[in-house]
Structures are given as structure tokens and as C-alpha cells.
Amino acid sequence: MKIILILVLFNLQSGSEVITAEFDDARACDLAALRTFQGVTAEPDMRPLDPAEGASAIEGTVIAHDSDGAEIGMYSCNPSRSDRREG
């Protein structure tokens, strides 16, 4: 089963950047997200997203914060829907 990374880097000056990639397992996906955020801050603080009441989010969404607590991005690693077969 393939795992899809959907990652958004927040940038108020130039606009947010969306990154997608495909991995063979969830651990590789999570590590790729961590490395991406480490390019912004040496030790990103990764926390599960707690959506506001009435809002929905992709299951497993994680928010990354910098050392000052500011949100620097978010990501999710989920199974590829194209791998799901009915039958």
C-alpha cells in the first residue's frame, strides 16, 4: 500500500507551499515531513491537529510549530485511495 504525504508550509510573505509525495510506508512519510520542517526550524514541535468545533480535517493531520510556538506548516500521511480496490 502506498502512503501519500500532503504537506503545507505556511509563508505569509510569498504564500503557502503545498508538497505531495508518495512513500511505501507511513514511517518514511512522517520522516520526510519532519525533514522538511527541519529545513525551517531545527527542532519543529509536531502536534496532532485539534480542529475547531464543527470543522473537519484530514485524519491524522499534524501541525508543526517553530521554537517560538508559531505554526510553520501542517501535514498528513494517509493511504493512497488509488490503492484501494473494490471487489
PDB file of N, CA and C in Angstrom:
ATOM      1  N   MET A   1       0.843  -1.172   0.000  1.00  0.00           N
ATOM      2  CA  MET A   1       0.000   0.000   0.000  1.00  0.00           C
ATOM      3  C   MET A   1       0.893   1.241   0.000  1.00  0.00           C
ATOM      4  N   LYS A   2       0.599   2.176  -0.851  1.00  0.00           N
ATOM      5  CA  LYS A   2       1.322   3.439  -0.926  1.00  0.00           C
ATOM      6  C   LYS A   2       0.724   4.441   0.063  1.00  0.00           C
ATOM      7  N   ILE A   3       1.610   5.260   0.637  1.00  0.00           N
ATOM      8  CA  ILE A   3       1.203   6.308   1.573  1.00  0.00           C
ATOM      9  C   ILE A   3       1.463   7.651   0.900  1.00  0.00           C
ATOM     10  N   ILE A   4       0.490   8.529   0.947  1.00  0.00           N
ATOM     11  CA  ILE A   4       0.595   9.841   0.326  1.00  0.00           C
ATOM     12  C   ILE A   4       0.840  10.894   1.398  1.00  0.00           C
ATOM     13  N   LEU A   5       1.871  11.705   1.189  1.00  0.00           N
ATOM     14  CA  LEU A   5       2.169  12.852   2.037  1.00  0.00           C
ATOM     15  C   LEU A   5       1.541  14.087   1.407  1.00  0.00           C
ATOM     16  N   ILE A   6       0.771  14.801   2.197  1.00  0.00           N
ATOM     17  CA  ILE A   6       0.269  16.117   1.812  1.00  0.00           C
ATOM     18  C   ILE A   6       0.804  17.072   2.863  1.00  0.00           C
ATOM     19  N   LEU A   7       1.652  18.001   2.455  1.00  0.00           N
ATOM     20  CA  LEU A   7       2.315  18.901   3.385  1.00  0.00           C
ATOM     21  C   LEU A   7       2.142  20.332   2.896  1.00  0.00           C
ATOM     22  N   VAL A   8       1.850  21.232   3.842  1.00  0.00           N
ATOM     23  CA  VAL A   8       1.725  22.648   3.527  1.00  0.00           C
ATOM     24  C   VAL A   8       2.692  23.421   4.414  1.00  0.00           C
ATOM     25  N   LEU A   9       3.591  24.184   3.774  1.00  0.00           N
ATOM     26  CA  LEU A   9       4.471  25.091   4.507  1.00  0.00           C
ATOM     27  C   LEU A   9       3.821  26.464   4.502  1.00  0.00           C
ATOM     28  N   PHE A  10       3.607  27.029   5.685  1.00  0.00           N
ATOM     29  CA  PHE A  10       2.982  28.345   5.779  1.00  0.00           C
ATOM     30  C   PHE A  10       4.034  29.424   5.544  1.00  0.00           C
ATOM     31  N   ASN A  11       3.723  30.386   4.674  1.00  0.00           N
ATOM     32  CA  ASN A  11       4.604  31.517   4.424  1.00  0.00           C
ATOM     33  C   ASN A  11       3.723  32.718   4.117  1.00  0.00           C
ATOM     34  N   LEU A  12       3.642  33.647   5.064  1.00  0.00           N
ATOM     35  CA  LEU A  12       2.765  34.798   4.895  1.00  0.00           C
ATOM     36  C   LEU A  12       3.275  35.766   3.835  1.00  0.00           C
ATOM     37  N   GLN A  13       4.564  35.750   3.551  1.00  0.00           N
ATOM     38  CA  GLN A  13       5.128  36.688   2.584  1.00  0.00           C
ATOM     39  C   GLN A  13       4.930  36.229   1.148  1.00  0.00           C
ATOM     40  N   SER A  14       5.234  34.966   0.863  1.00  0.00           N
ATOM     41  CA  SER A  14       5.165  34.507  -0.522  1.00  0.00           C
ATOM     42  C   SER A  14       4.002  33.553  -0.792  1.00  0.00           C
ATOM     43  N   GLY A  15       3.243  33.232   0.227  1.00  0.00           N
ATOM     44  CA  GLY A  15       2.131  32.300   0.069  1.00  0.00           C
ATOM     45  C   GLY A  15       2.533  30.896   0.478  1.00  0.00           C
ATOM     46  N   SER A  16       1.585  30.118   0.883  1.00  0.00           N
ATOM     47  CA  SER A  16       1.857  28.761   1.345  1.00  0.00           C
ATOM     48  C   SER A  16       2.302  27.881   0.188  1.00  0.00           C
ATOM     49  N   GLU A  17       3.149  26.907   0.511  1.00  0.00           N
ATOM     50  CA  GLU A  17       3.659  25.964  -0.481  1.00  0.00           C
ATOM     51  C   GLU A  17       3.108  24.578  -0.159  1.00  0.00           C
ATOM     52  N   VAL A  18       2.519  23.927  -1.155  1.00  0.00           N
ATOM     53  CA  VAL A  18       1.976  22.584  -0.983  1.00  0.00           C
ATOM     54  C   VAL A  18       2.942  21.583  -1.590  1.00  0.00           C
ATOM     55  N   ILE A  19       3.243  20.544  -0.828  1.00  0.00           N
ATOM     56  CA  ILE A  19       4.150  19.484  -1.273  1.00  0.00           C
ATOM     57  C   ILE A  19       3.405  18.164  -1.158  1.00  0.00           C
ATOM     58  N   THR A  20       3.482  17.341  -2.186  1.00  0.00           N
ATOM     59  CA  THR A  20       2.928  15.993  -2.120  1.00  0.00           C
ATOM     60  C   THR A  20       4.012  15.008  -2.537  1.00  0.00           C
ATOM     61  N   ALA A  21       3.954  13.830  -1.967  1.00  0.00           N
ATOM     62  CA  ALA A  21       4.904  12.771  -2.304  1.00  0.00           C
ATOM     63  C   ALA A  21       4.276  11.434  -1.951  1.00  0.00           C
ATOM     64  N   GLU A  22       4.848  10.365  -2.489  1.00  0.00           N
ATOM     65  CA  GLU A  22       4.338   9.014  -2.248  1.00  0.00           C
ATOM     66  C   GLU A  22       5.443   8.177  -1.606  1.00  0.00           C
ATOM     67  N   PHE A  23       5.060   7.358  -0.621  1.00  0.00           N
ATOM     68  CA  PHE A  23       6.011   6.525   0.112  1.00  0.00           C
ATOM     69  C   PHE A  23       5.471   5.103   0.238  1.00  0.00           C
ATOM     70  N   ASP A  24       6.380   4.184   0.552  1.00  0.00           N
ATOM     71  CA  ASP A  24       5.991   2.791   0.733  1.00  0.00           C
ATOM     72  C   ASP A  24       5.442   2.498   2.118  1.00  0.00           C
ATOM     73  N   ASP A  25       5.748   3.362   3.101  1.00  0.00           N
ATOM     74  CA  ASP A  25       5.220   3.144   4.451  1.00  0.00           C
ATOM     75  C   ASP A  25       5.047   4.475   5.181  1.00  0.00           C
ATOM     76  N   ALA A  26       4.259   4.449   6.235  1.00  0.00           N
ATOM     77  CA  ALA A  26       3.915   5.658   6.985  1.00  0.00           C
ATOM     78  C   ALA A  26       5.129   6.258   7.682  1.00  0.00           C
ATOM     79  N   ARG A  27       6.031   5.423   8.166  1.00  0.00           N
ATOM     80  CA  ARG A  27       7.217   5.952   8.862  1.00  0.00           C
ATOM     81  C   ARG A  27       8.074   6.793   7.923  1.00  0.00           C
ATOM     82  N   ALA A  28       8.298   6.326   6.718  1.00  0.00           N
ATOM     83  CA  ALA A  28       9.076   7.094   5.741  1.00  0.00           C
ATOM     84  C   ALA A  28       8.384   8.418   5.425  1.00  0.00           C
ATOM     85  N   CYS A  29       7.065   8.404   5.369  1.00  0.00           N
ATOM     86  CA  CYS A  29       6.296   9.612   5.106  1.00  0.00           C
ATOM     87  C   CYS A  29       6.474  10.613   6.255  1.00  0.00           C
ATOM     88  N   ASP A  30       6.316  10.142   7.491  1.00  0.00           N
ATOM     89  CA  ASP A  30       6.480  11.013   8.656  1.00  0.00           C
ATOM     90  C   ASP A  30       7.891  11.596   8.727  1.00  0.00           C
ATOM     91  N   LEU A  31       8.893  10.776   8.430  1.00  0.00           N
ATOM     92  CA  LEU A  31      10.281  11.252   8.469  1.00  0.00           C
ATOM     93  C   LEU A  31      10.540  12.312   7.395  1.00  0.00           C
ATOM     94  N   ALA A  32       9.940  12.152   6.230  1.00  0.00           N
ATOM     95  CA  ALA A  32      10.090  13.147   5.170  1.00  0.00           C
ATOM     96  C   ALA A  32       9.460  14.476   5.594  1.00  0.00           C
ATOM     97  N   ALA A  33       8.315  14.409   6.242  1.00  0.00           N
ATOM     98  CA  ALA A  33       7.673  15.634   6.735  1.00  0.00           C
ATOM     99  C   ALA A  33       8.557  16.303   7.785  1.00  0.00           C
ATOM    100  N   LEU A  34       9.085  15.520   8.710  1.00  0.00           N
ATOM    101  CA  LEU A  34       9.962  16.070   9.744  1.00  0.00           C
ATOM    102  C   LEU A  34      11.167  16.761   9.112  1.00  0.00           C
ATOM    103  N   ARG A  35      11.816  16.107   8.161  1.00  0.00           N
ATOM    104  CA  ARG A  35      12.984  16.699   7.497  1.00  0.00           C
ATOM    105  C   ARG A  35      12.619  18.013   6.796  1.00  0.00           C
ATOM    106  N   THR A  36      11.447  18.067   6.206  1.00  0.00           N
ATOM    107  CA  THR A  36      11.003  19.285   5.536  1.00  0.00           C
ATOM    108  C   THR A  36      10.872  20.423   6.538  1.00  0.00           C
ATOM    109  N   PHE A  37      10.245  20.148   7.679  1.00  0.00           N
ATOM    110  CA  PHE A  37      10.075  21.193   8.688  1.00  0.00           C
ATOM    111  C   PHE A  37      11.400  21.554   9.362  1.00  0.00           C
ATOM    112  N   GLN A  38      12.327  20.607   9.430  1.00  0.00           N
ATOM    113  CA  GLN A  38      13.650  20.917   9.981  1.00  0.00           C
ATOM    114  C   GLN A  38      14.407  21.881   9.072  1.00  0.00           C
ATOM    115  N   GLY A  39      14.000  21.984   7.833  1.00  0.00           N
ATOM    116  CA  GLY A  39      14.572  22.988   6.939  1.00  0.00           C
ATOM    117  C   GLY A  39      14.128  24.398   7.292  1.00  0.00           C
ATOM    118  N   VAL A  40      13.072  24.506   8.090  1.00  0.00           N
ATOM    119  CA  VAL A  40      12.548  25.800   8.525  1.00  0.00           C
ATOM    120  C   VAL A  40      13.024  26.121   9.938  1.00  0.00           C
ATOM    121  N   THR A  41      12.998  25.130  10.814  1.00  0.00           N
ATOM    122  CA  THR A  41      13.420  25.290  12.200  1.00  0.00           C
ATOM    123  C   THR A  41      14.106  24.008  12.650  1.00  0.00           C
ATOM    124  N   ALA A  42      15.173  24.130  13.412  1.00  0.00           N
ATOM    125  CA  ALA A  42      15.987  22.969  13.779  1.00  0.00           C
ATOM    126  C   ALA A  42      15.209  21.884  14.507  1.00  0.00           C
ATOM    127  N   GLU A  43      14.329  22.272  15.409  1.00  0.00           N
ATOM    128  CA  GLU A  43      13.573  21.300  16.199  1.00  0.00           C
ATOM    129  C   GLU A  43      12.080  21.617  16.158  1.00  0.00           C
ATOM    130  N   PRO A  44      11.406  21.234  15.081  1.00  0.00           N
ATOM    131  CA  PRO A  44       9.972  21.508  14.998  1.00  0.00           C
ATOM    132  C   PRO A  44       9.193  20.734  16.064  1.00  0.00           C
ATOM    133  N   ASP A  45       8.179  21.375  16.589  1.00  0.00           N
ATOM    134  CA  ASP A  45       7.282  20.759  17.572  1.00  0.00           C
ATOM    135  C   ASP A  45       6.057  20.285  16.800  1.00  0.00           C
ATOM    136  N   MET A  46       5.897  18.968  16.701  1.00  0.00           N
ATOM    137  CA  MET A  46       4.810  18.383  15.922  1.00  0.00           C
ATOM    138  C   MET A  46       3.672  17.988  16.862  1.00  0.00           C
ATOM    139  N   ARG A  47       2.463  18.496  16.567  1.00  0.00           N
ATOM    140  CA  ARG A  47       1.291  18.212  17.398  1.00  0.00           C
ATOM    141  C   ARG A  47       0.099  17.818  16.518  1.00  0.00           C
ATOM    142  N   PRO A  48      -0.675  16.837  16.962  1.00  0.00           N
ATOM    143  CA  PRO A  48      -1.876  16.486  16.200  1.00  0.00           C
ATOM    144  C   PRO A  48      -2.810  17.703  16.100  1.00  0.00           C
ATOM    145  N   LEU A  49      -3.431  17.873  14.952  1.00  0.00           N
ATOM    146  CA  LEU A  49      -4.378  18.960  14.748  1.00  0.00           C
ATOM    147  C   LEU A  49      -5.638  18.680  15.542  1.00  0.00           C
ATOM    148  N   ASP A  50      -6.084  19.675  16.273  1.00  0.00           N
ATOM    149  CA  ASP A  50      -7.339  19.611  17.006  1.00  0.00           C
ATOM    150  C   ASP A  50      -8.277  20.617  16.341  1.00  0.00           C
ATOM    151  N   PRO A  51      -9.086  20.161  15.358  1.00  0.00           N
ATOM    152  CA  PRO A  51      -9.904  21.107  14.599  1.00  0.00           C
ATOM    153  C   PRO A  51     -10.913  21.831  15.494  1.00  0.00           C
ATOM    154  N   ALA A  52     -11.230  23.044  15.095  1.00  0.00           N
ATOM    155  CA  ALA A  52     -12.245  23.817  15.807  1.00  0.00           C
ATOM    156  C   ALA A  52     -13.578  23.081  15.728  1.00  0.00           C
ATOM    157  N   GLU A  53     -14.425  23.326  16.706  1.00  0.00           N
ATOM    158  CA  GLU A  53     -15.728  22.661  16.742  1.00  0.00           C
ATOM    159  C   GLU A  53     -16.485  22.933  15.448  1.00  0.00           C
ATOM    160  N   GLY A  54     -17.010  21.874  14.857  1.00  0.00           N
ATOM    161  CA  GLY A  54     -17.762  21.980  13.620  1.00  0.00           C
ATOM    162  C   GLY A  54     -16.901  21.915  12.363  1.00  0.00           C
ATOM    163  N   ALA A  55     -15.586  21.996  12.525  1.00  0.00           N
ATOM    164  CA  ALA A  55     -14.676  21.928  11.375  1.00  0.00           C
ATOM    165  C   ALA A  55     -14.224  20.488  11.179  1.00  0.00           C
ATOM    166  N   SER A  56     -13.808  20.174   9.981  1.00  0.00           N
ATOM    167  CA  SER A  56     -13.276  18.847   9.716  1.00  0.00           C
ATOM    168  C   SER A  56     -11.864  18.980   9.161  1.00  0.00           C
ATOM    169  N   ALA A  57     -11.080  17.930   9.310  1.00  0.00           N
ATOM    170  CA  ALA A  57      -9.707  17.902   8.808  1.00  0.00           C
ATOM    171  C   ALA A  57      -9.406  16.496   8.337  1.00  0.00           C
ATOM    172  N   ILE A  58      -8.390  16.373   7.517  1.00  0.00           N
ATOM    173  CA  ILE A  58      -7.945  15.053   7.084  1.00  0.00           C
ATOM    174  C   ILE A  58      -7.467  14.293   8.313  1.00  0.00           C
ATOM    175  N   GLU A  59      -7.898  13.058   8.445  1.00  0.00           N
ATOM    176  CA  GLU A  59      -7.500  12.238   9.579  1.00  0.00           C
ATOM    177  C   GLU A  59      -5.982  12.159   9.677  1.00  0.00           C
ATOM    178  N   GLY A  60      -5.456  12.292  10.881  1.00  0.00           N
ATOM    179  CA  GLY A  60      -4.026  12.189  11.102  1.00  0.00           C
ATOM    180  C   GLY A  60      -3.244  13.458  10.805  1.00  0.00           C
ATOM    181  N   THR A  61      -3.931  14.584  10.616  1.00  0.00           N
ATOM    182  CA  THR A  61      -3.237  15.832  10.311  1.00  0.00           C
ATOM    183  C   THR A  61      -2.428  16.302  11.513  1.00  0.00           C
ATOM    184  N   VAL A  62      -1.202  16.725  11.242  1.00  0.00           N
ATOM    185  CA  VAL A  62      -0.265  17.184  12.267  1.00  0.00           C
ATOM    186  C   VAL A  62       0.126  18.621  11.952  1.00  0.00           C
ATOM    187  N   ILE A  63       0.212  19.460  12.985  1.00  0.00           N
ATOM    188  CA  ILE A  63       0.656  20.848  12.842  1.00  0.00           C
ATOM    189  C   ILE A  63       2.084  20.953  13.356  1.00  0.00           C
ATOM    190  N   ALA A  64       2.942  21.649  12.620  1.00  0.00           N
ATOM    191  CA  ALA A  64       4.330  21.864  13.035  1.00  0.00           C
ATOM    192  C   ALA A  64       4.486  23.296  13.524  1.00  0.00           C
ATOM    193  N   HIS A  65       5.173  23.447  14.661  1.00  0.00           N
ATOM    194  CA  HIS A  65       5.440  24.758  15.251  1.00  0.00           C
ATOM    195  C   HIS A  65       6.937  24.985  15.334  1.00  0.00           C
ATOM    196  N   ASP A  66       7.353  26.257  15.273  1.00  0.00           N
ATOM    197  CA  ASP A  66       8.766  26.571  15.461  1.00  0.00           C
ATOM    198  C   ASP A  66       9.057  26.733  16.948  1.00  0.00           C
ATOM    199  N   SER A  67      10.287  27.117  17.280  1.00  0.00           N
ATOM    200  CA  SER A  67      10.686  27.216  18.691  1.00  0.00           C
ATOM    201  C   SER A  67       9.946  28.323  19.435  1.00  0.00           C
ATOM    202  N   ASP A  68       9.348  29.265  18.705  1.00  0.00           N
ATOM    203  CA  ASP A  68       8.565  30.335  19.337  1.00  0.00           C
ATOM    204  C   ASP A  68       7.094  29.965  19.470  1.00  0.00           C
ATOM    205  N   GLY A  69       6.718  28.784  18.976  1.00  0.00           N
ATOM    206  CA  GLY A  69       5.331  28.334  19.054  1.00  0.00           C
ATOM    207  C   GLY A  69       4.487  28.724  17.853  1.00  0.00           C
ATOM    208  N   ALA A  70       5.077  29.415  16.880  1.00  0.00           N
ATOM    209  CA  ALA A  70       4.324  29.808  15.689  1.00  0.00           C
ATOM    210  C   ALA A  70       4.126  28.600  14.771  1.00  0.00           C
ATOM    211  N   GLU A  71       2.957  28.507  14.160  1.00  0.00           N
ATOM    212  CA  GLU A  71       2.677  27.424  13.221  1.00  0.00           C
ATOM    213  C   GLU A  71       3.474  27.642  11.934  1.00  0.00           C
ATOM    214  N   ILE A  72       4.228  26.622  11.531  1.00  0.00           N
ATOM    215  CA  ILE A  72       5.030  26.739  10.304  1.00  0.00           C
ATOM    216  C   ILE A  72       4.496  25.861   9.178  1.00  0.00           C
ATOM    217  N   GLY A  73       3.576  24.969   9.513  1.00  0.00           N
ATOM    218  CA  GLY A  73       3.011  24.120   8.476  1.00  0.00           C
ATOM    219  C   GLY A  73       2.183  22.999   9.050  1.00  0.00           C
ATOM    220  N   MET A  74       1.697  22.159   8.146  1.00  0.00           N
ATOM    221  CA  MET A  74       0.896  21.010   8.548  1.00  0.00           C
ATOM    222  C   MET A  74       1.088  19.910   7.523  1.00  0.00           C
ATOM    223  N   TYR A  75       0.837  18.677   7.966  1.00  0.00           N
ATOM    224  CA  TYR A  75       0.949  17.559   7.029  1.00  0.00           C
ATOM    225  C   TYR A  75       0.051  16.410   7.460  1.00  0.00           C
ATOM    226  N   SER A  76      -0.129  15.508   6.515  1.00  0.00           N
ATOM    227  CA  SER A  76      -0.882  14.290   6.762  1.00  0.00           C
ATOM    228  C   SER A  76      -0.287  13.183   5.905  1.00  0.00           C
ATOM    229  N   CYS A  77      -0.170  11.989   6.458  1.00  0.00           N
ATOM    230  CA  CYS A  77       0.270  10.803   5.730  1.00  0.00           C
ATOM    231  C   CYS A  77      -0.879   9.796   5.753  1.00  0.00           C
ATOM    232  N   ASN A  78      -1.425   9.490   4.606  1.00  0.00           N
ATOM    233  CA  ASN A  78      -2.576   8.596   4.536  1.00  0.00           C
ATOM    234  C   ASN A  78      -2.446   7.638   3.365  1.00  0.00           C
ATOM    235  N   PRO A  79      -3.101   6.478   3.464  1.00  0.00           N
ATOM    236  CA  PRO A  79      -3.065   5.509   2.356  1.00  0.00           C
ATOM    237  C   PRO A  79      -3.609   6.121   1.070  1.00  0.00           C
ATOM    238  N   SER A  80      -2.991   5.772  -0.032  1.00  0.00           N
ATOM    239  CA  SER A  80      -3.444   6.244  -1.337  1.00  0.00           C
ATOM    240  C   SER A  80      -4.795   5.626  -1.657  1.00  0.00           C
ATOM    241  N   ARG A  81      -5.712   6.446  -2.089  1.00  0.00           N
ATOM    242  CA  ARG A  81      -7.032   5.922  -2.466  1.00  0.00           C
ATOM    243  C   ARG A  81      -6.954   5.092  -3.736  1.00  0.00           C
ATOM    244  N   SER A  82      -5.961   5.350  -4.563  1.00  0.00           N
ATOM    245  CA  SER A  82      -5.831   4.585  -5.801  1.00  0.00           C
ATOM    246  C   SER A  82      -5.421   3.130  -5.513  1.00  0.00           C
ATOM    247  N   ASP A  83      -4.888   2.873  -4.299  1.00  0.00           N
ATOM    248  CA  ASP A  83      -4.528   1.511  -3.910  1.00  0.00           C
ATOM    249  C   ASP A  83      -5.724   0.707  -3.426  1.00  0.00           C
ATOM    250  N   ARG A  84      -6.789   1.389  -3.087  1.00  0.00           N
ATOM    251  CA  ARG A  84      -7.968   0.688  -2.565  1.00  0.00           C
ATOM    252  C   ARG A  84      -8.735   0.100  -3.715  1.00  0.00           C
ATOM    253  N   ARG A  85      -8.992  -1.181  -3.618  1.00  0.00           N
ATOM    254  CA  ARG A  85      -9.706  -1.868  -4.693  1.00  0.00           C
ATOM    255  C   ARG A  85     -10.989  -2.464  -4.131  1.00  0.00           C
ATOM    256  N   GLU A  86     -12.047  -2.318  -4.914  1.00  0.00           N
ATOM    257  CA  GLU A  86     -13.311  -2.922  -4.516  1.00  0.00           C
ATOM    258  C   GLU A  86     -13.465  -4.235  -5.264  1.00  0.00           C
ATOM    259  N   GLY A  87     -14.136  -5.164  -4.624  1.00  0.00           N
ATOM    260  CA  GLY A  87     -14.342  -6.384  -5.390  1.00  0.00           C
ATOM    261  C   GLY A  87     -14.623  -7.486  -4.551  1.00  0.00           C
TER     262      GLY A  87
END
